[in-house]
Amino acid sequence: MINSNADSAMGILFPNSYDSLVPELVTERLMASIPFASRYRLVDFMLSSMVNCGIDNISLIVKRNYHSLMDHLGSGREWDLTRKKGGLNIIPPFAQKNISIYNGRVEAIASILDYLKRQKEKYVIMADTNIVVNFNFSELLQKHIDSGADVTIAYTREEIPKALRDIDMTKKDLYYTLDIDDSGKVEKIIVNDKDTGVKNVSMNIYVIERNLLIDQIAEAYVNGRIYFERDIISPQLDKLKVMAYEHKGYFARILDTNTYFAENMKMLKEENVEALFSPSPVYTKIRDDNPTRYAAGSHAKNVMAADGCVIEGEVENSILFRGVKVGKGAKVRNCVLMQDTVIETGATVEYAITDKNVKVSAYKELKGTESFPVFVEKRKTV
């Protein structure tokens, strides 16, 4: 998938975008660090997609709760991003008294303008990390170059998810839908669209020339603007050539705890796993564990289990992360159990999400429903 133009593009990821939509999952981490599909973190998908397309200069502008992300990414070795020039660059919030933690992309990028000016790549690709996708950035970049666009926006054709339509404006989370003409040119950007029916929903993935981005951000920042899409792109649709690129492959948006649960459960269907992981490899942090062990008398059906698990009881329709233990006589159904969760002897757990290092005590019952799964916080004992 590597493209000859890839070395002319750098990546910028925003790991904290939409944190407020999943408050239970981000008390000690950010959106990018949320575990997904038994052994991955959300950031792995966007980061791997960029690397697979030959982009080897990637910055992550973090906002808060980023220590788990730094622990996961390390030096970037698993993504082949350990380099003297470029590679992986995690940018923490500025500590100066006169600079506050950013709200939108304008403020975030304004904080690294000097850094951007020193880079050599011609293009910048920006993306959030709340979308699970195996994305073809090579094709996106080529379409951008061929069209002569100033900005290219990636989008999907779908009905606006309920979690987006119900978004709380007071938390300053915005989403965008696009009106596109027959040539693929964006004619209008609608903020927090409430209409029903199939729409062109932005993936918040953008391609723009680096020098143009620097100029636009510098001007917007001094004028007190906050949001790249709403405050820079939308008002200039008659001035800038803004094109749209449709992503037609598999994707999953993490918009609240319910969508997190539902999208994980979709990974129990082979066709979804194939659609997400077959286009190109997805890399993640390596943890040297033993293979999952199924004890005599255990029962497992339709389970995605990472390494290091020990199954002595019954597990059905569930996602198990590394090091999960299910004791004798325990029953686990329709659950997402994060790393090192322990379900003790005789316990029953249904429709639940457990964070890392949770313990469900022997013979206890923990039951939610498909539409309202129970969530247990990190390191809690039930």
Protein backbone atom coordinates (compact mmCIF):
# COMPACT_ATOMS: atom_id res chain seq x y z
CA MET A 1 0.00 0.00 0.00
CA ILE A 2 3.04 2.28 0.30
CA ASN A 3 2.73 5.26 -2.03
CA SER A 4 5.54 7.14 -3.73
CA ASN A 5 4.04 10.38 -2.36
CA ALA A 6 3.97 9.10 1.23
CA ASP A 7 7.37 10.53 2.12
CA SER A 8 5.94 13.96 1.26
CA ALA A 9 3.28 13.72 3.99
CA MET A 10 3.45 13.89 7.78
CA GLY A 11 0.70 12.89 10.18
CA ILE A 12 -0.89 14.69 13.13
CA LEU A 13 -3.22 12.78 15.45
CA PHE A 14 -5.48 14.24 18.14
CA PRO A 15 -5.75 11.54 20.84
CA ASN A 16 -8.16 13.40 23.17
CA SER A 17 -10.89 14.19 20.63
CA TYR A 18 -14.36 13.23 21.89
CA ASP A 19 -13.11 12.18 25.34
CA SER A 20 -16.23 13.72 26.86
CA LEU A 21 -18.44 11.19 25.04
CA VAL A 22 -16.96 8.26 26.97
CA PRO A 23 -16.34 9.64 30.50
CA GLU A 24 -16.32 6.19 32.12
CA LEU A 25 -13.55 4.97 29.84
CA VAL A 26 -11.26 8.00 30.10
CA THR A 27 -10.95 8.66 33.83
CA GLU A 28 -7.28 7.59 33.70
CA ARG A 29 -6.64 7.48 29.95
CA LEU A 30 -7.57 9.32 26.75
CA MET A 31 -9.66 8.21 23.79
CA ALA A 32 -6.62 6.94 21.89
CA SER A 33 -5.68 4.55 24.73
CA ILE A 34 -9.05 2.81 25.06
CA PRO A 35 -8.59 -0.96 24.52
CA PHE A 36 -10.34 -2.56 21.55
CA ALA A 37 -10.68 -6.05 20.01
CA SER A 38 -8.87 -8.02 22.74
CA ARG A 39 -5.32 -6.73 22.28
CA TYR A 40 -5.32 -3.32 20.56
CA ARG A 41 -5.80 0.32 21.55
CA LEU A 42 -7.83 2.73 19.41
CA VAL A 43 -4.70 4.66 18.38
CA ASP A 44 -3.21 1.50 16.85
CA PHE A 45 -5.56 1.60 13.87
CA MET A 46 -4.94 5.15 12.66
CA LEU A 47 -1.23 4.94 13.51
CA SER A 48 -0.80 1.61 11.69
CA SER A 49 -2.73 2.90 8.67
CA MET A 50 -0.34 5.82 8.35
CA VAL A 51 2.76 3.64 8.78
CA ASN A 52 1.50 1.09 6.25
CA CYS A 53 1.22 3.90 3.70
CA GLY A 54 4.81 5.00 4.28
CA ILE A 55 4.14 7.98 6.55
CA ASP A 56 6.98 7.93 9.07
CA ASN A 57 6.75 11.37 10.69
CA ILE A 58 3.74 11.32 13.03
CA SER A 59 2.93 13.68 15.89
CA LEU A 60 0.30 13.20 18.57
CA ILE A 61 -0.86 16.42 20.26
CA VAL A 62 -2.13 15.29 23.66
CA LYS A 63 -4.23 17.24 26.12
CA ARG A 64 -4.61 15.28 29.36
CA ASN A 65 -4.45 11.75 30.79
CA TYR A 66 -1.73 10.85 28.32
CA HIS A 67 0.55 8.71 30.50
CA SER A 68 -1.15 5.47 29.45
CA LEU A 69 -0.67 6.48 25.81
CA MET A 70 3.03 7.13 26.35
CA ASP A 71 3.36 3.76 28.08
CA HIS A 72 1.60 2.02 25.19
CA LEU A 73 3.49 3.71 22.36
CA GLY A 74 6.91 3.87 24.01
CA SER A 75 9.51 4.79 21.43
CA GLY A 76 7.26 3.64 18.59
CA ARG A 77 9.30 0.50 17.93
CA GLU A 78 6.30 -1.74 17.14
CA TRP A 79 5.26 0.73 14.41
CA ASP A 80 8.83 1.13 13.08
CA LEU A 81 8.81 4.77 14.17
CA THR A 82 12.05 4.78 16.17
CA ARG A 83 14.02 7.20 14.02
CA LYS A 84 16.54 10.02 14.40
CA LYS A 85 14.46 12.26 12.15
CA GLY A 86 10.70 12.18 12.11
CA GLY A 87 9.34 9.03 13.70
CA LEU A 88 6.91 9.26 16.62
CA ASN A 89 6.53 12.57 18.41
CA ILE A 90 4.20 12.91 21.42
CA ILE A 91 3.56 16.58 22.22
CA PRO A 92 2.23 17.27 25.74
CA PRO A 93 0.29 20.41 26.65
CA PHE A 94 2.43 23.52 26.97
CA ALA A 95 3.23 24.41 30.57
CA GLN A 96 3.72 28.16 30.12
CA LYS A 97 1.37 30.26 32.22
CA ASN A 98 0.14 32.24 29.22
CA ILE A 99 -0.90 29.17 27.19
CA SER A 100 -3.95 27.16 28.21
CA ILE A 101 -4.79 23.58 27.27
CA TYR A 102 -6.25 23.73 23.77
CA ASN A 103 -9.94 23.43 22.93
CA GLY A 104 -10.03 22.91 19.15
CA ARG A 105 -7.56 22.04 16.42
CA VAL A 106 -6.66 25.67 15.75
CA GLU A 107 -5.28 26.11 19.26
CA ALA A 108 -3.64 22.68 19.21
CA ILE A 109 -1.81 23.27 15.93
CA ALA A 110 -0.97 26.85 16.86
CA SER A 111 1.03 25.45 19.77
CA ILE A 112 3.34 23.58 17.35
CA LEU A 113 3.66 26.10 14.50
CA ASP A 114 7.42 26.49 15.00
CA TYR A 115 7.75 22.71 14.88
CA LEU A 116 5.67 22.53 11.68
CA LYS A 117 7.81 25.17 10.02
CA ARG A 118 10.91 23.00 10.56
CA GLN A 119 9.44 19.91 8.88
CA LYS A 120 10.28 18.92 5.30
CA GLU A 121 7.06 17.21 4.17
CA LYS A 122 4.83 19.03 1.70
CA TYR A 123 1.51 17.71 3.06
CA VAL A 124 -0.06 17.23 6.47
CA ILE A 125 -2.67 14.55 7.20
CA MET A 126 -4.74 15.16 10.34
CA ALA A 127 -7.01 12.65 12.07
CA ASP A 128 -8.75 11.80 15.34
CA THR A 129 -8.42 8.42 17.05
CA ASN A 130 -12.02 7.53 17.90
CA ILE A 131 -12.54 5.71 14.59
CA VAL A 132 -11.47 2.09 14.21
CA VAL A 133 -10.45 1.76 10.58
CA ASN A 134 -7.83 0.31 8.25
CA PHE A 135 -7.50 3.44 6.14
CA ASN A 136 -5.81 3.84 2.76
CA PHE A 137 -3.94 7.10 3.22
CA SER A 138 -1.98 6.48 0.02
CA GLU A 139 -5.16 6.65 -2.05
CA LEU A 140 -6.43 9.66 -0.12
CA LEU A 141 -3.17 11.55 -0.70
CA GLN A 142 -3.08 10.63 -4.39
CA LYS A 143 -6.67 11.79 -4.90
CA HIS A 144 -5.82 15.05 -3.14
CA ILE A 145 -2.82 15.65 -5.40
CA ASP A 146 -4.63 14.65 -8.61
CA SER A 147 -7.59 16.93 -7.90
CA GLY A 148 -5.43 19.96 -7.15
CA ALA A 149 -7.38 20.49 -3.94
CA ASP A 150 -6.37 22.84 -1.15
CA VAL A 151 -8.03 20.56 1.39
CA THR A 152 -9.44 17.04 1.08
CA ILE A 153 -11.90 15.68 3.67
CA ALA A 154 -12.54 11.97 4.16
CA TYR A 155 -16.15 10.97 4.83
CA THR A 156 -18.48 8.00 5.06
CA ARG A 157 -22.01 7.54 3.70
CA GLU A 158 -24.22 6.62 6.65
CA GLU A 159 -27.10 7.68 8.80
CA ILE A 160 -25.89 10.02 11.52
CA PRO A 161 -25.39 7.82 14.61
CA LYS A 162 -27.78 8.62 17.45
CA ALA A 163 -24.87 9.32 19.78
CA LEU A 164 -23.73 12.10 17.45
CA ARG A 165 -27.19 13.60 17.00
CA ASP A 166 -27.59 13.65 20.79
CA ILE A 167 -24.21 15.29 21.34
CA ASP A 168 -24.03 17.81 24.19
CA MET A 169 -23.11 21.18 22.71
CA THR A 170 -22.05 22.48 26.12
CA LYS A 171 -19.07 20.11 26.00
CA LYS A 172 -17.88 21.77 22.77
CA ASP A 173 -17.90 18.53 20.76
CA LEU A 174 -18.71 19.12 17.11
CA TYR A 175 -19.28 16.79 14.17
CA TYR A 176 -19.72 17.64 10.52
CA THR A 177 -21.72 16.51 7.51
CA LEU A 178 -20.90 17.56 3.95
CA ASP A 179 -22.89 18.67 0.93
CA ILE A 180 -20.92 17.46 -2.09
CA ASP A 181 -21.45 18.21 -5.80
CA ASP A 182 -21.08 15.71 -8.64
CA SER A 183 -17.37 16.50 -9.05
CA GLY A 184 -16.64 15.69 -5.41
CA LYS A 185 -16.27 19.32 -4.34
CA VAL A 186 -17.56 20.26 -0.89
CA GLU A 187 -20.25 22.93 -1.24
CA LYS A 188 -21.34 23.18 2.38
CA ILE A 189 -20.26 21.95 5.81
CA ILE A 190 -23.09 21.46 8.30
CA VAL A 191 -22.21 21.56 12.00
CA ASN A 192 -23.98 19.04 14.28
CA ASP A 193 -26.58 18.13 11.65
CA LYS A 194 -29.84 16.87 13.18
CA ASP A 195 -31.46 15.65 9.95
CA THR A 196 -32.32 11.99 9.46
CA GLY A 197 -31.43 9.81 6.50
CA VAL A 198 -28.11 8.89 4.91
CA LYS A 199 -25.56 11.71 5.05
CA ASN A 200 -21.96 12.38 4.12
CA VAL A 201 -20.48 12.23 7.61
CA SER A 202 -16.97 13.61 8.01
CA MET A 203 -14.36 11.26 9.47
CA ASN A 204 -12.35 14.29 10.67
CA ILE A 205 -9.50 13.18 8.40
CA TYR A 206 -7.97 16.01 6.39
CA VAL A 207 -5.15 16.52 3.89
CA ILE A 208 -3.69 19.99 3.40
CA GLU A 209 -0.37 21.46 2.26
CA ARG A 210 1.86 22.15 5.25
CA ASN A 211 2.58 25.77 4.31
CA LEU A 212 -1.10 26.48 3.71
CA LEU A 213 -1.95 24.95 7.08
CA ILE A 214 0.65 27.12 8.81
CA ASP A 215 -0.71 30.28 7.19
CA GLN A 216 -4.34 29.43 7.92
CA ILE A 217 -3.70 28.48 11.56
CA ALA A 218 -1.57 31.55 12.24
CA GLU A 219 -4.30 33.87 10.96
CA ALA A 220 -7.13 32.00 12.67
CA TYR A 221 -5.36 31.85 16.02
CA VAL A 222 -4.73 35.59 16.29
CA ASN A 223 -8.41 36.15 15.48
CA GLY A 224 -9.53 33.91 18.33
CA ARG A 225 -10.87 31.06 16.23
CA ILE A 226 -10.95 27.55 17.69
CA TYR A 227 -12.18 24.90 15.26
CA PHE A 228 -10.36 24.04 12.04
CA GLU A 229 -13.47 22.81 10.23
CA ARG A 230 -16.04 25.33 11.44
CA ASP A 231 -13.85 28.44 11.70
CA ILE A 232 -11.35 27.98 8.85
CA ILE A 233 -12.65 25.61 6.16
CA SER A 234 -16.40 26.26 6.19
CA PRO A 235 -16.23 30.08 5.78
CA GLN A 236 -13.76 29.73 2.88
CA LEU A 237 -15.48 27.14 0.69
CA ASP A 238 -15.78 29.75 -2.06
CA LYS A 239 -12.08 30.61 -1.78
CA LEU A 240 -10.42 27.25 -1.13
CA LYS A 241 -10.87 24.16 -3.27
CA VAL A 242 -12.17 21.63 -0.77
CA MET A 243 -12.69 18.11 -2.10
CA ALA A 244 -14.27 15.04 -0.51
CA TYR A 245 -12.98 11.46 -0.43
CA GLU A 246 -15.37 8.62 0.42
CA HIS A 247 -14.11 5.77 2.59
CA LYS A 248 -16.01 2.62 1.63
CA GLY A 249 -14.26 0.04 3.80
CA TYR A 250 -14.98 -1.15 7.33
CA PHE A 251 -15.03 1.43 10.11
CA ALA A 252 -16.39 1.84 13.63
CA ARG A 253 -17.02 5.11 15.47
CA ILE A 254 -16.62 5.08 19.25
CA LEU A 255 -19.13 7.69 20.43
CA ASP A 256 -20.29 6.47 23.84
CA THR A 257 -20.07 3.42 26.08
CA ASN A 258 -22.86 1.66 24.19
CA THR A 259 -21.17 2.06 20.79
CA TYR A 260 -17.89 0.93 22.36
CA PHE A 261 -19.59 -2.25 23.56
CA ALA A 262 -21.45 -2.83 20.29
CA GLU A 263 -18.41 -2.28 18.06
CA ASN A 264 -16.32 -4.67 20.15
CA MET A 265 -19.03 -7.31 19.93
CA LYS A 266 -19.02 -6.97 16.14
CA MET A 267 -15.49 -8.35 16.23
CA LEU A 268 -17.00 -11.74 17.11
CA LYS A 269 -18.17 -12.03 13.51
CA GLU A 270 -15.49 -13.34 11.18
CA GLU A 271 -16.53 -11.13 8.27
CA ASN A 272 -15.99 -7.99 10.37
CA VAL A 273 -12.57 -9.13 11.55
CA GLU A 274 -11.62 -9.90 7.97
CA ALA A 275 -12.86 -6.52 6.74
CA LEU A 276 -10.97 -4.59 9.43
CA PHE A 277 -7.68 -6.48 9.57
CA SER A 278 -7.16 -7.88 6.07
CA PRO A 279 -6.31 -4.70 4.08
CA SER A 280 -3.00 -4.23 5.94
CA PRO A 281 -1.41 -5.16 9.30
CA VAL A 282 -2.42 -3.45 12.54
CA TYR A 283 0.47 -3.13 14.99
CA THR A 284 0.31 -2.87 18.78
CA LYS A 285 2.47 -3.05 21.88
CA ILE A 286 3.84 -6.54 22.47
CA ARG A 287 3.29 -8.20 25.84
CA ASP A 288 5.08 -11.52 26.24
CA ASP A 289 2.37 -13.79 27.65
CA ASN A 290 1.71 -17.48 27.40
CA PRO A 291 -0.99 -18.61 24.97
CA THR A 292 -4.52 -18.64 26.38
CA ARG A 293 -5.12 -21.81 28.41
CA TYR A 294 -8.45 -23.62 28.42
CA ALA A 295 -8.62 -25.90 31.46
CA ALA A 296 -10.31 -29.29 31.48
CA GLY A 297 -14.05 -28.87 31.85
CA SER A 298 -14.07 -25.30 30.54
CA HIS A 299 -16.37 -24.18 27.75
CA ALA A 300 -15.79 -21.40 25.23
CA LYS A 301 -18.02 -20.41 22.33
CA ASN A 302 -17.63 -17.45 19.99
CA VAL A 303 -14.82 -15.81 21.97
CA MET A 304 -12.04 -13.42 20.93
CA ALA A 305 -9.31 -13.96 23.51
CA ALA A 306 -5.87 -12.39 23.65
CA ASP A 307 -2.81 -14.19 24.99
CA GLY A 308 -2.30 -14.80 28.70
CA CYS A 309 -5.92 -15.71 29.51
CA VAL A 310 -6.88 -18.67 31.70
CA ILE A 311 -10.37 -20.10 31.13
CA GLU A 312 -11.64 -22.60 33.70
CA GLY A 313 -15.38 -21.77 33.50
CA GLU A 314 -17.79 -20.94 30.70
CA VAL A 315 -17.31 -18.04 28.27
CA GLU A 316 -19.65 -17.20 25.41
CA ASN A 317 -19.94 -14.27 22.96
CA SER A 318 -17.23 -12.26 24.69
CA ILE A 319 -14.06 -10.24 24.11
CA LEU A 320 -11.22 -11.08 26.51
CA PHE A 321 -8.11 -8.92 26.73
CA ARG A 322 -4.69 -10.06 27.89
CA GLY A 323 -4.43 -11.87 31.21
CA VAL A 324 -8.16 -12.36 31.88
CA LYS A 325 -8.95 -15.22 34.26
CA VAL A 326 -12.33 -16.97 34.46
CA GLY A 327 -12.58 -19.30 37.45
CA LYS A 328 -14.23 -22.72 37.79
CA GLY A 329 -17.99 -22.64 37.55
CA ALA A 330 -17.96 -18.98 36.49
CA LYS A 331 -20.18 -17.94 33.59
CA VAL A 332 -19.31 -15.04 31.28
CA ARG A 333 -21.69 -14.11 28.47
CA ASN A 334 -21.78 -11.09 26.14
CA CYS A 335 -18.97 -9.25 27.91
CA VAL A 336 -15.93 -7.11 27.18
CA LEU A 337 -13.34 -7.90 29.85
CA MET A 338 -10.25 -5.71 29.76
CA GLN A 339 -6.70 -6.64 30.72
CA ASP A 340 -6.15 -8.75 33.86
CA THR A 341 -9.83 -8.92 34.85
CA VAL A 342 -10.51 -11.80 37.25
CA ILE A 343 -13.89 -13.54 37.38
CA GLU A 344 -13.73 -15.73 40.46
CA THR A 345 -15.24 -19.17 41.05
CA GLY A 346 -18.98 -19.44 40.47
CA ALA A 347 -19.52 -15.79 39.50
CA THR A 348 -21.97 -14.89 36.72
CA VAL A 349 -21.30 -11.90 34.47
CA GLU A 350 -23.52 -10.89 31.55
CA TYR A 351 -23.55 -7.78 29.34
CA ALA A 352 -20.70 -6.10 31.20
CA ILE A 353 -17.61 -4.05 30.43
CA THR A 354 -14.86 -4.38 33.01
CA ASP A 355 -11.88 -2.05 32.97
CA LYS A 356 -8.35 -3.24 33.74
CA ASN A 357 -7.61 -5.21 36.94
CA VAL A 358 -11.27 -5.61 37.93
CA LYS A 359 -12.26 -8.50 40.19
CA VAL A 360 -15.74 -10.04 40.33
CA SER A 361 -15.89 -11.95 43.60
CA ALA A 362 -16.84 -15.60 43.89
CA TYR A 363 -20.52 -16.40 43.33
CA LYS A 364 -21.47 -12.77 42.71
CA GLU A 365 -23.84 -11.83 39.84
CA LEU A 366 -23.24 -8.86 37.56
CA LYS A 367 -25.81 -8.41 34.82
CA GLY A 368 -26.59 -5.62 32.39
CA THR A 369 -28.48 -5.62 29.10
CA GLU A 370 -27.47 -5.31 25.48
CA SER A 371 -28.59 -1.69 25.36
CA PHE A 372 -27.23 -0.84 28.83
CA PRO A 373 -24.12 -2.89 29.61
CA VAL A 374 -22.80 -2.59 33.16
CA PHE A 375 -19.45 -0.80 33.44
CA VAL A 376 -16.98 -1.56 36.25
CA GLU A 377 -14.20 0.94 36.87
CA LYS A 378 -10.50 0.14 36.85
CA ARG A 379 -9.19 -1.84 39.85
CA LYS A 380 -12.65 -2.20 41.43
CA THR A 381 -13.85 -5.33 43.20
CA VAL A 382 -17.49 -6.32 42.80
